[in-house]
Amino acid sequence: MARVAELPCLVCGAWYVEVHHLPDPRSDMRVIPLCPQHHRREFGPGAYHYSRRAFNDLHGSDDELLARVAAMICPRL
């Protein structure tokens, strides 16, 4: 999780991110980096907590987002 917290926002590339836990009852390590505006409900339709479905429609499924995080942490050589 600490490595994810050092990444930029998956949506806009902004720094200072909040680590968002993707819903999965099997694991609490499914996390993605999102800036406050793309994470929190109070920022409206572009935010994950405002509408998960709308967020995924715009930015990819949870699995696709996790794959992007994995590629950022361990890019292919």
PDB file of N, CA and C in Angstrom:
ATOM      1  N   MET A   1       0.812  -1.186   0.000  1.00  0.00           N
ATOM      2  CA  MET A   1       0.000   0.000   0.000  1.00  0.00           C
ATOM      3  C   MET A   1       0.857   1.253   0.000  1.00  0.00           C
ATOM      4  N   ALA A   2       1.978   1.217   0.650  1.00  0.00           N
ATOM      5  CA  ALA A   2       2.847   2.394   0.714  1.00  0.00           C
ATOM      6  C   ALA A   2       3.347   2.781  -0.672  1.00  0.00           C
ATOM      7  N   ARG A   3       3.651   1.792  -1.498  1.00  0.00           N
ATOM      8  CA  ARG A   3       4.114   2.093  -2.857  1.00  0.00           C
ATOM      9  C   ARG A   3       3.006   2.734  -3.680  1.00  0.00           C
ATOM     10  N   VAL A   4       1.791   2.309  -3.495  1.00  0.00           N
ATOM     11  CA  VAL A   4       0.660   2.895  -4.216  1.00  0.00           C
ATOM     12  C   VAL A   4       0.470   4.348  -3.788  1.00  0.00           C
ATOM     13  N   ALA A   5       0.665   4.637  -2.514  1.00  0.00           N
ATOM     14  CA  ALA A   5       0.505   6.000  -2.004  1.00  0.00           C
ATOM     15  C   ALA A   5       1.526   6.966  -2.602  1.00  0.00           C
ATOM     16  N   GLU A   6       2.613   6.439  -3.138  1.00  0.00           N
ATOM     17  CA  GLU A   6       3.639   7.285  -3.752  1.00  0.00           C
ATOM     18  C   GLU A   6       3.368   7.570  -5.228  1.00  0.00           C
ATOM     19  N   LEU A   7       2.370   6.921  -5.808  1.00  0.00           N
ATOM     20  CA  LEU A   7       2.037   7.110  -7.218  1.00  0.00           C
ATOM     21  C   LEU A   7       1.151   8.340  -7.412  1.00  0.00           C
ATOM     22  N   PRO A   8       1.106   8.873  -8.632  1.00  0.00           N
ATOM     23  CA  PRO A   8       0.166   9.960  -8.914  1.00  0.00           C
ATOM     24  C   PRO A   8      -1.247   9.407  -9.100  1.00  0.00           C
ATOM     25  N   CYS A   9      -2.215  10.291  -9.114  1.00  0.00           N
ATOM     26  CA  CYS A   9      -3.607   9.922  -9.342  1.00  0.00           C
ATOM     27  C   CYS A   9      -3.729   9.178 -10.672  1.00  0.00           C
ATOM     28  N   LEU A  10      -4.443   8.079 -10.661  1.00  0.00           N
ATOM     29  CA  LEU A  10      -4.632   7.290 -11.883  1.00  0.00           C
ATOM     30  C   LEU A  10      -5.404   8.051 -12.952  1.00  0.00           C
ATOM     31  N   VAL A  11      -6.214   9.008 -12.555  1.00  0.00           N
ATOM     32  CA  VAL A  11      -7.057   9.716 -13.508  1.00  0.00           C
ATOM     33  C   VAL A  11      -6.366  10.938 -14.093  1.00  0.00           C
ATOM     34  N   CYS A  12      -5.809  11.792 -13.220  1.00  0.00           N
ATOM     35  CA  CYS A  12      -5.297  13.077 -13.705  1.00  0.00           C
ATOM     36  C   CYS A  12      -3.800  13.270 -13.508  1.00  0.00           C
ATOM     37  N   GLY A  13      -3.154  12.373 -12.783  1.00  0.00           N
ATOM     38  CA  GLY A  13      -1.720  12.489 -12.566  1.00  0.00           C
ATOM     39  C   GLY A  13      -1.325  13.446 -11.453  1.00  0.00           C
ATOM     40  N   ALA A  14      -2.309  13.964 -10.719  1.00  0.00           N
ATOM     41  CA  ALA A  14      -2.011  14.903  -9.633  1.00  0.00           C
ATOM     42  C   ALA A  14      -1.285  14.190  -8.498  1.00  0.00           C
ATOM     43  N   TRP A  15      -0.486  14.957  -7.788  1.00  0.00           N
ATOM     44  CA  TRP A  15       0.200  14.431  -6.605  1.00  0.00           C
ATOM     45  C   TRP A  15      -0.571  14.828  -5.373  1.00  0.00           C
ATOM     46  N   TYR A  16      -0.359  14.141  -4.378  1.00  0.00           N
ATOM     47  CA  TYR A  16      -1.098  13.936  -3.149  1.00  0.00           C
ATOM     48  C   TYR A  16      -2.316  13.128  -3.520  1.00  0.00           C
ATOM     49  N   VAL A  17      -2.222  11.886  -3.151  1.00  0.00           N
ATOM     50  CA  VAL A  17      -3.327  10.976  -3.413  1.00  0.00           C
ATOM     51  C   VAL A  17      -3.834  10.365  -2.125  1.00  0.00           C
ATOM     52  N   GLU A  18      -5.031   9.890  -2.212  1.00  0.00           N
ATOM     53  CA  GLU A  18      -5.631   9.091  -1.154  1.00  0.00           C
ATOM     54  C   GLU A  18      -5.694   7.666  -1.701  1.00  0.00           C
ATOM     55  N   VAL A  19      -5.284   6.724  -0.909  1.00  0.00           N
ATOM     56  CA  VAL A  19      -5.304   5.332  -1.345  1.00  0.00           C
ATOM     57  C   VAL A  19      -6.735   4.823  -1.185  1.00  0.00           C
ATOM     58  N   HIS A  20      -7.317   4.436  -2.301  1.00  0.00           N
ATOM     59  CA  HIS A  20      -8.702   3.962  -2.306  1.00  0.00           C
ATOM     60  C   HIS A  20      -8.724   2.440  -2.340  1.00  0.00           C
ATOM     61  N   HIS A  21      -9.467   1.860  -1.415  1.00  0.00           N
ATOM     62  CA  HIS A  21      -9.647   0.402  -1.386  1.00  0.00           C
ATOM     63  C   HIS A  21     -10.807   0.037  -2.302  1.00  0.00           C
ATOM     64  N   LEU A  22     -10.530  -0.783  -3.294  1.00  0.00           N
ATOM     65  CA  LEU A  22     -11.595  -1.263  -4.170  1.00  0.00           C
ATOM     66  C   LEU A  22     -12.391  -2.330  -3.430  1.00  0.00           C
ATOM     67  N   PRO A  23     -13.692  -2.375  -3.656  1.00  0.00           N
ATOM     68  CA  PRO A  23     -14.515  -3.347  -2.945  1.00  0.00           C
ATOM     69  C   PRO A  23     -14.130  -4.782  -3.299  1.00  0.00           C
ATOM     70  N   ASP A  24     -13.772  -5.530  -2.305  1.00  0.00           N
ATOM     71  CA  ASP A  24     -13.459  -6.951  -2.477  1.00  0.00           C
ATOM     72  C   ASP A  24     -13.385  -7.572  -1.089  1.00  0.00           C
ATOM     73  N   PRO A  25     -14.346  -8.401  -0.755  1.00  0.00           N
ATOM     74  CA  PRO A  25     -14.355  -8.984   0.589  1.00  0.00           C
ATOM     75  C   PRO A  25     -13.188  -9.946   0.833  1.00  0.00           C
ATOM     76  N   ARG A  26     -12.494 -10.356  -0.225  1.00  0.00           N
ATOM     77  CA  ARG A  26     -11.403 -11.315  -0.071  1.00  0.00           C
ATOM     78  C   ARG A  26     -10.070 -10.670   0.250  1.00  0.00           C
ATOM     79  N   SER A  27      -9.941  -9.351  -0.010  1.00  0.00           N
ATOM     80  CA  SER A  27      -8.633  -8.727   0.146  1.00  0.00           C
ATOM     81  C   SER A  27      -8.772  -7.238   0.415  1.00  0.00           C
ATOM     82  N   ASP A  28      -7.937  -6.719   1.311  1.00  0.00           N
ATOM     83  CA  ASP A  28      -7.909  -5.275   1.527  1.00  0.00           C
ATOM     84  C   ASP A  28      -6.674  -4.656   0.868  1.00  0.00           C
ATOM     85  N   MET A  29      -6.003  -5.413   0.006  1.00  0.00           N
ATOM     86  CA  MET A  29      -4.813  -4.912  -0.675  1.00  0.00           C
ATOM     87  C   MET A  29      -5.111  -4.484  -2.110  1.00  0.00           C
ATOM     88  N   ARG A  30      -6.366  -4.479  -2.505  1.00  0.00           N
ATOM     89  CA  ARG A  30      -6.750  -3.992  -3.837  1.00  0.00           C
ATOM     90  C   ARG A  30      -6.950  -2.498  -3.730  1.00  0.00           C
ATOM     91  N   VAL A  31      -5.871  -1.746  -3.964  1.00  0.00           N
ATOM     92  CA  VAL A  31      -5.910  -0.306  -3.762  1.00  0.00           C
ATOM     93  C   VAL A  31      -5.406   0.435  -4.998  1.00  0.00           C
ATOM     94  N   ILE A  32      -5.950   1.641  -5.184  1.00  0.00           N
ATOM     95  CA  ILE A  32      -5.533   2.495  -6.286  1.00  0.00           C
ATOM     96  C   ILE A  32      -5.305   3.908  -5.753  1.00  0.00           C
ATOM     97  N   PRO A  33      -4.413   4.678  -6.396  1.00  0.00           N
ATOM     98  CA  PRO A  33      -4.177   6.053  -5.969  1.00  0.00           C
ATOM     99  C   PRO A  33      -5.123   7.021  -6.683  1.00  0.00           C
ATOM    100  N   LEU A  34      -5.863   7.797  -5.897  1.00  0.00           N
ATOM    101  CA  LEU A  34      -6.747   8.804  -6.454  1.00  0.00           C
ATOM    102  C   LEU A  34      -6.552  10.111  -5.702  1.00  0.00           C
ATOM    103  N   CYS A  35      -6.503  11.217  -6.447  1.00  0.00           N
ATOM    104  CA  CYS A  35      -6.453  12.520  -5.788  1.00  0.00           C
ATOM    105  C   CYS A  35      -7.801  12.735  -5.097  1.00  0.00           C
ATOM    106  N   PRO A  36      -7.891  13.676  -4.156  1.00  0.00           N
ATOM    107  CA  PRO A  36      -9.156  13.884  -3.453  1.00  0.00           C
ATOM    108  C   PRO A  36     -10.342  14.131  -4.393  1.00  0.00           C
ATOM    109  N   GLN A  37     -10.123  14.855  -5.474  1.00  0.00           N
ATOM    110  CA  GLN A  37     -11.238  15.175  -6.374  1.00  0.00           C
ATOM    111  C   GLN A  37     -11.740  13.961  -7.148  1.00  0.00           C
ATOM    112  N   HIS A  38     -10.898  12.984  -7.383  1.00  0.00           N
ATOM    113  CA  HIS A  38     -11.360  11.784  -8.067  1.00  0.00           C
ATOM    114  C   HIS A  38     -11.733  10.670  -7.094  1.00  0.00           C
ATOM    115  N   HIS A  39     -11.596  10.936  -5.814  1.00  0.00           N
ATOM    116  CA  HIS A  39     -11.906   9.935  -4.795  1.00  0.00           C
ATOM    117  C   HIS A  39     -13.217  10.221  -4.081  1.00  0.00           C
ATOM    118  N   ARG A  40     -13.387  11.444  -3.622  1.00  0.00           N
ATOM    119  CA  ARG A  40     -14.465  11.740  -2.670  1.00  0.00           C
ATOM    120  C   ARG A  40     -15.787  12.139  -3.307  1.00  0.00           C
ATOM    121  N   ARG A  41     -16.831  11.769  -2.640  1.00  0.00           N
ATOM    122  CA  ARG A  41     -18.203  12.048  -3.065  1.00  0.00           C
ATOM    123  C   ARG A  41     -18.486  13.541  -3.230  1.00  0.00           C
ATOM    124  N   GLU A  42     -17.936  14.381  -2.359  1.00  0.00           N
ATOM    125  CA  GLU A  42     -18.306  15.796  -2.387  1.00  0.00           C
ATOM    126  C   GLU A  42     -17.842  16.526  -3.643  1.00  0.00           C
ATOM    127  N   PHE A  43     -17.002  15.888  -4.447  1.00  0.00           N
ATOM    128  CA  PHE A  43     -16.523  16.547  -5.658  1.00  0.00           C
ATOM    129  C   PHE A  43     -17.367  16.199  -6.880  1.00  0.00           C
ATOM    130  N   GLY A  44     -18.395  15.396  -6.732  1.00  0.00           N
ATOM    131  CA  GLY A  44     -19.336  15.184  -7.816  1.00  0.00           C
ATOM    132  C   GLY A  44     -19.076  14.004  -8.730  1.00  0.00           C
ATOM    133  N   PRO A  45     -19.683  14.033  -9.925  1.00  0.00           N
ATOM    134  CA  PRO A  45     -19.739  12.873 -10.814  1.00  0.00           C
ATOM    135  C   PRO A  45     -18.402  12.264 -11.231  1.00  0.00           C
ATOM    136  N   GLY A  46     -17.318  13.008 -11.197  1.00  0.00           N
ATOM    137  CA  GLY A  46     -16.034  12.440 -11.572  1.00  0.00           C
ATOM    138  C   GLY A  46     -15.369  11.657 -10.459  1.00  0.00           C
ATOM    139  N   ALA A  47     -16.003  11.603  -9.300  1.00  0.00           N
ATOM    140  CA  ALA A  47     -15.405  10.963  -8.128  1.00  0.00           C
ATOM    141  C   ALA A  47     -15.901   9.528  -7.960  1.00  0.00           C
ATOM    142  N   TYR A  48     -15.002   8.661  -7.517  1.00  0.00           N
ATOM    143  CA  TYR A  48     -15.328   7.254  -7.332  1.00  0.00           C
ATOM    144  C   TYR A  48     -16.505   7.079  -6.375  1.00  0.00           C
ATOM    145  N   HIS A  49     -16.475   7.760  -5.244  1.00  0.00           N
ATOM    146  CA  HIS A  49     -17.523   7.562  -4.243  1.00  0.00           C
ATOM    147  C   HIS A  49     -18.823   8.271  -4.604  1.00  0.00           C
ATOM    148  N   TYR A  50     -18.826   9.128  -5.594  1.00  0.00           N
ATOM    149  CA  TYR A  50     -20.070   9.750  -6.045  1.00  0.00           C
ATOM    150  C   TYR A  50     -20.886   8.727  -6.830  1.00  0.00           C
ATOM    151  N   SER A  51     -20.224   8.054  -7.773  1.00  0.00           N
ATOM    152  CA  SER A  51     -20.885   7.007  -8.548  1.00  0.00           C
ATOM    153  C   SER A  51     -19.829   6.040  -9.066  1.00  0.00           C
ATOM    154  N   ARG A  52     -19.751   4.901  -8.442  1.00  0.00           N
ATOM    155  CA  ARG A  52     -18.767   3.897  -8.854  1.00  0.00           C
ATOM    156  C   ARG A  52     -18.995   3.497 -10.313  1.00  0.00           C
ATOM    157  N   ARG A  53     -20.229   3.309 -10.702  1.00  0.00           N
ATOM    158  CA  ARG A  53     -20.539   2.898 -12.070  1.00  0.00           C
ATOM    159  C   ARG A  53     -20.082   3.947 -13.083  1.00  0.00           C
ATOM    160  N   ALA A  54     -20.385   5.211 -12.818  1.00  0.00           N
ATOM    161  CA  ALA A  54     -19.970   6.285 -13.726  1.00  0.00           C
ATOM    162  C   ALA A  54     -18.443   6.376 -13.784  1.00  0.00           C
ATOM    163  N   PHE A  55     -17.806   6.245 -12.631  1.00  0.00           N
ATOM    164  CA  PHE A  55     -16.346   6.290 -12.582  1.00  0.00           C
ATOM    165  C   PHE A  55     -15.752   5.169 -13.427  1.00  0.00           C
ATOM    166  N   ASN A  56     -16.257   3.956 -13.251  1.00  0.00           N
ATOM    167  CA  ASN A  56     -15.746   2.818 -14.020  1.00  0.00           C
ATOM    168  C   ASN A  56     -16.038   2.971 -15.514  1.00  0.00           C
ATOM    169  N   ASP A  57     -17.190   3.519 -15.863  1.00  0.00           N
ATOM    170  CA  ASP A  57     -17.496   3.754 -17.277  1.00  0.00           C
ATOM    171  C   ASP A  57     -16.490   4.720 -17.901  1.00  0.00           C
ATOM    172  N   LEU A  58     -16.083   5.715 -17.145  1.00  0.00           N
ATOM    173  CA  LEU A  58     -15.134   6.718 -17.649  1.00  0.00           C
ATOM    174  C   LEU A  58     -13.690   6.239 -17.645  1.00  0.00           C
ATOM    175  N   HIS A  59     -13.306   5.478 -16.612  1.00  0.00           N
ATOM    176  CA  HIS A  59     -11.884   5.212 -16.383  1.00  0.00           C
ATOM    177  C   HIS A  59     -11.484   3.745 -16.423  1.00  0.00           C
ATOM    178  N   GLY A  60     -12.433   2.838 -16.590  1.00  0.00           N
ATOM    179  CA  GLY A  60     -12.115   1.417 -16.658  1.00  0.00           C
ATOM    180  C   GLY A  60     -12.634   0.659 -15.449  1.00  0.00           C
ATOM    181  N   SER A  61     -12.703  -0.634 -15.614  1.00  0.00           N
ATOM    182  CA  SER A  61     -13.183  -1.495 -14.521  1.00  0.00           C
ATOM    183  C   SER A  61     -12.165  -1.505 -13.382  1.00  0.00           C
ATOM    184  N   ASP A  62     -12.593  -1.994 -12.235  1.00  0.00           N
ATOM    185  CA  ASP A  62     -11.673  -2.092 -11.103  1.00  0.00           C
ATOM    186  C   ASP A  62     -10.457  -2.939 -11.465  1.00  0.00           C
ATOM    187  N   ASP A  63     -10.672  -4.029 -12.186  1.00  0.00           N
ATOM    188  CA  ASP A  63      -9.548  -4.882 -12.581  1.00  0.00           C
ATOM    189  C   ASP A  63      -8.600  -4.147 -13.533  1.00  0.00           C
ATOM    190  N   GLU A  64      -9.150  -3.365 -14.442  1.00  0.00           N
ATOM    191  CA  GLU A  64      -8.308  -2.576 -15.352  1.00  0.00           C
ATOM    192  C   GLU A  64      -7.504  -1.532 -14.583  1.00  0.00           C
ATOM    193  N   LEU A  65      -8.139  -0.904 -13.603  1.00  0.00           N
ATOM    194  CA  LEU A  65      -7.438   0.093 -12.777  1.00  0.00           C
ATOM    195  C   LEU A  65      -6.303  -0.570 -12.000  1.00  0.00           C
ATOM    196  N   LEU A  66      -6.570  -1.746 -11.437  1.00  0.00           N
ATOM    197  CA  LEU A  66      -5.523  -2.468 -10.700  1.00  0.00           C
ATOM    198  C   LEU A  66      -4.363  -2.851 -11.612  1.00  0.00           C
ATOM    199  N   ALA A  67      -4.670  -3.224 -12.844  1.00  0.00           N
ATOM    200  CA  ALA A  67      -3.613  -3.573 -13.799  1.00  0.00           C
ATOM    201  C   ALA A  67      -2.746  -2.347 -14.110  1.00  0.00           C
ATOM    202  N   ARG A  68      -3.366  -1.181 -14.203  1.00  0.00           N
ATOM    203  CA  ARG A  68      -2.593   0.048 -14.437  1.00  0.00           C
ATOM    204  C   ARG A  68      -1.682   0.347 -13.257  1.00  0.00           C
ATOM    205  N   VAL A  69      -2.175   0.138 -12.040  1.00  0.00           N
ATOM    206  CA  VAL A  69      -1.352   0.346 -10.848  1.00  0.00           C
ATOM    207  C   VAL A  69      -0.173  -0.617 -10.859  1.00  0.00           C
ATOM    208  N   ALA A  70      -0.420  -1.871 -11.154  1.00  0.00           N
ATOM    209  CA  ALA A  70       0.648  -2.870 -11.191  1.00  0.00           C
ATOM    210  C   ALA A  70       1.709  -2.477 -12.217  1.00  0.00           C
ATOM    211  N   ALA A  71       1.285  -1.979 -13.367  1.00  0.00           N
ATOM    212  CA  ALA A  71       2.236  -1.562 -14.410  1.00  0.00           C
ATOM    213  C   ALA A  71       3.042  -0.349 -13.962  1.00  0.00           C
ATOM    214  N   MET A  72       2.447   0.521 -13.163  1.00  0.00           N
ATOM    215  CA  MET A  72       3.167   1.694 -12.664  1.00  0.00           C
ATOM    216  C   MET A  72       4.201   1.293 -11.614  1.00  0.00           C
ATOM    217  N   ILE A  73       3.860   0.303 -10.809  1.00  0.00           N
ATOM    218  CA  ILE A  73       4.777  -0.131  -9.747  1.00  0.00           C
ATOM    219  C   ILE A  73       5.911  -0.968 -10.321  1.00  0.00           C
ATOM    220  N   CYS A  74       5.594  -1.849 -11.230  1.00  0.00           N
ATOM    221  CA  CYS A  74       6.596  -2.752 -11.802  1.00  0.00           C
ATOM    222  C   CYS A  74       6.554  -2.685 -13.327  1.00  0.00           C
ATOM    223  N   PRO A  75       7.060  -1.608 -13.912  1.00  0.00           N
ATOM    224  CA  PRO A  75       7.031  -1.527 -15.383  1.00  0.00           C
ATOM    225  C   PRO A  75       7.896  -2.619 -15.990  1.00  0.00           C
ATOM    226  N   ARG A  76       7.484  -3.064 -17.133  1.00  0.00           N
ATOM    227  CA  ARG A  76       8.271  -4.096 -17.830  1.00  0.00           C
ATOM    228  C   ARG A  76       9.580  -3.512 -18.294  1.00  0.00           C
ATOM    229  N   LEU A  77      10.618  -4.286 -18.150  1.00  0.00           N
ATOM    230  CA  LEU A  77      11.940  -3.823 -18.563  1.00  0.00           C
ATOM    231  C   LEU A  77      12.174  -4.058 -20.028  1.00  0.00           C
TER     232      LEU A  77
END
